[in-house]
């Protein structure tokens, strides 16, 4: 807890009305706290996003956080995945993070 993660996506896509859109990869950071993940105010798609704890493993760097808006962010050994599902579209991202 308290670690800051610096991340960069390697694939960022959206699906809406049966069409797939490729987005520009993003760099962002977040802080892992006892209440969840807190993203910065300048972090693109993650701007001011806060996610609460879903599950984690104290013995490894494996955790998953989400919110009530069908958003899930998971991390394991330097790799993250992000997914968000709404009534109209799906957004998905995968990439790498370093811990500082």
Protein backbone atom coordinates (compact mmCIF):
# COMPACT_ATOMS: atom_id res chain seq x y z
CA UNK A 1 0.00 0.00 0.00
CA UNK A 2 1.16 3.53 -0.69
CA UNK A 3 3.10 2.59 -3.81
CA UNK A 4 2.91 4.73 -6.96
CA UNK A 5 2.67 2.87 -10.26
CA UNK A 6 3.76 4.40 -13.59
CA UNK A 7 2.04 2.69 -16.51
CA UNK A 8 1.82 2.73 -20.29
CA UNK A 9 -0.76 0.92 -22.38
CA UNK A 10 0.34 -1.31 -25.24
CA UNK A 11 -3.16 -1.79 -26.69
CA UNK A 12 -6.21 0.44 -26.16
CA UNK A 13 -9.47 -0.33 -27.98
CA UNK A 14 -13.15 0.48 -27.89
CA UNK A 15 -16.18 -1.33 -29.27
CA UNK A 16 -19.36 0.57 -30.11
CA UNK A 17 -22.19 -0.39 -32.47
CA UNK A 18 -20.19 -3.40 -33.66
CA UNK A 19 -17.24 -1.25 -34.71
CA UNK A 20 -13.77 -1.57 -33.16
CA UNK A 21 -11.76 1.60 -32.67
CA UNK A 22 -8.04 1.65 -31.86
CA UNK A 23 -7.02 4.50 -29.57
CA UNK A 24 -3.62 6.07 -29.01
CA UNK A 25 -1.73 4.38 -26.16
CA UNK A 26 -1.58 6.35 -22.92
CA UNK A 27 0.84 6.89 -20.06
CA UNK A 28 -0.62 7.34 -16.59
CA UNK A 29 0.08 6.81 -12.92
CA UNK A 30 -1.91 5.76 -9.89
CA UNK A 31 -1.42 5.34 -6.18
CA UNK A 32 -2.51 2.22 -4.34
CA UNK A 33 -4.08 3.13 -0.98
CA UNK A 34 -6.01 1.20 1.66
CA UNK A 35 -9.21 2.61 0.11
CA UNK A 36 -8.40 1.70 -3.49
CA UNK A 37 -6.62 3.09 -6.54
CA UNK A 38 -6.39 6.85 -7.03
CA UNK A 39 -5.48 8.22 -10.46
CA UNK A 40 -4.19 11.74 -11.11
CA UNK A 41 -6.07 14.72 -12.45
CA UNK A 42 -3.93 14.75 -15.62
CA UNK A 43 -4.14 11.05 -16.50
CA UNK A 44 -6.17 10.94 -19.72
CA UNK A 45 -8.79 8.19 -19.69
CA UNK A 46 -8.21 7.67 -15.97
CA UNK A 47 -8.58 11.34 -15.00
CA UNK A 48 -9.74 11.58 -11.36
CA UNK A 49 -10.89 7.94 -11.40
CA UNK A 50 -11.11 6.19 -8.04
CA UNK A 51 -11.59 2.44 -7.79
CA UNK A 52 -12.41 0.49 -4.65
CA UNK A 53 -10.86 -2.83 -3.67
CA UNK A 54 -12.29 -5.96 -5.25
CA UNK A 55 -9.64 -8.52 -4.37
CA UNK A 56 -5.91 -8.84 -3.82
CA UNK A 57 -3.22 -11.28 -2.75
CA UNK A 58 -0.88 -10.07 -0.01
CA UNK A 59 1.86 -12.54 -0.99
CA UNK A 60 2.12 -11.45 -4.63
CA UNK A 61 1.65 -8.29 -6.65
CA UNK A 62 -1.82 -9.38 -7.75
CA UNK A 63 -4.82 -7.11 -7.27
CA UNK A 64 -8.13 -6.17 -8.86
CA UNK A 65 -10.10 -3.00 -8.21
CA UNK A 66 -13.40 -1.80 -9.58
CA UNK A 67 -16.38 0.47 -9.09
CA UNK A 68 -20.15 0.41 -9.44
CA UNK A 69 -19.92 1.60 -13.05
CA UNK A 70 -18.73 -1.80 -14.35
CA UNK A 71 -15.10 -0.73 -14.43
CA UNK A 72 -12.33 -3.17 -13.50
CA UNK A 73 -8.57 -2.60 -13.26
CA UNK A 74 -6.33 -5.61 -12.55
CA UNK A 75 -2.59 -5.92 -12.09
CA UNK A 76 -0.19 -8.83 -11.80
CA UNK A 77 3.61 -8.82 -11.96
CA UNK A 78 4.00 -5.65 -14.03
CA UNK A 79 1.04 -6.19 -16.41
CA UNK A 80 -2.29 -4.37 -16.09
CA UNK A 81 -5.65 -4.82 -17.78
CA UNK A 82 -8.53 -2.37 -17.75
CA UNK A 83 -12.10 -2.89 -18.88
CA UNK A 84 -15.26 -0.82 -18.79
CA UNK A 85 -18.65 -1.99 -20.00
CA UNK A 86 -21.65 0.30 -20.43
CA UNK A 87 -25.00 -0.15 -22.16
CA UNK A 88 -23.56 1.33 -25.34
CA UNK A 89 -19.89 0.39 -25.51
CA UNK A 90 -16.89 -1.55 -24.24
CA UNK A 91 -13.45 -0.08 -23.56
CA UNK A 92 -10.39 -2.26 -22.97
CA UNK A 93 -6.71 -1.61 -22.35
CA UNK A 94 -3.62 -3.66 -21.56
CA UNK A 95 -0.08 -2.55 -20.75
CA UNK A 96 2.87 -2.49 -18.38
CA UNK A 97 3.59 -0.73 -15.08
CA UNK A 98 6.63 0.01 -12.94
CA UNK A 99 6.37 0.54 -9.20
CA UNK A 100 8.10 3.49 -7.48
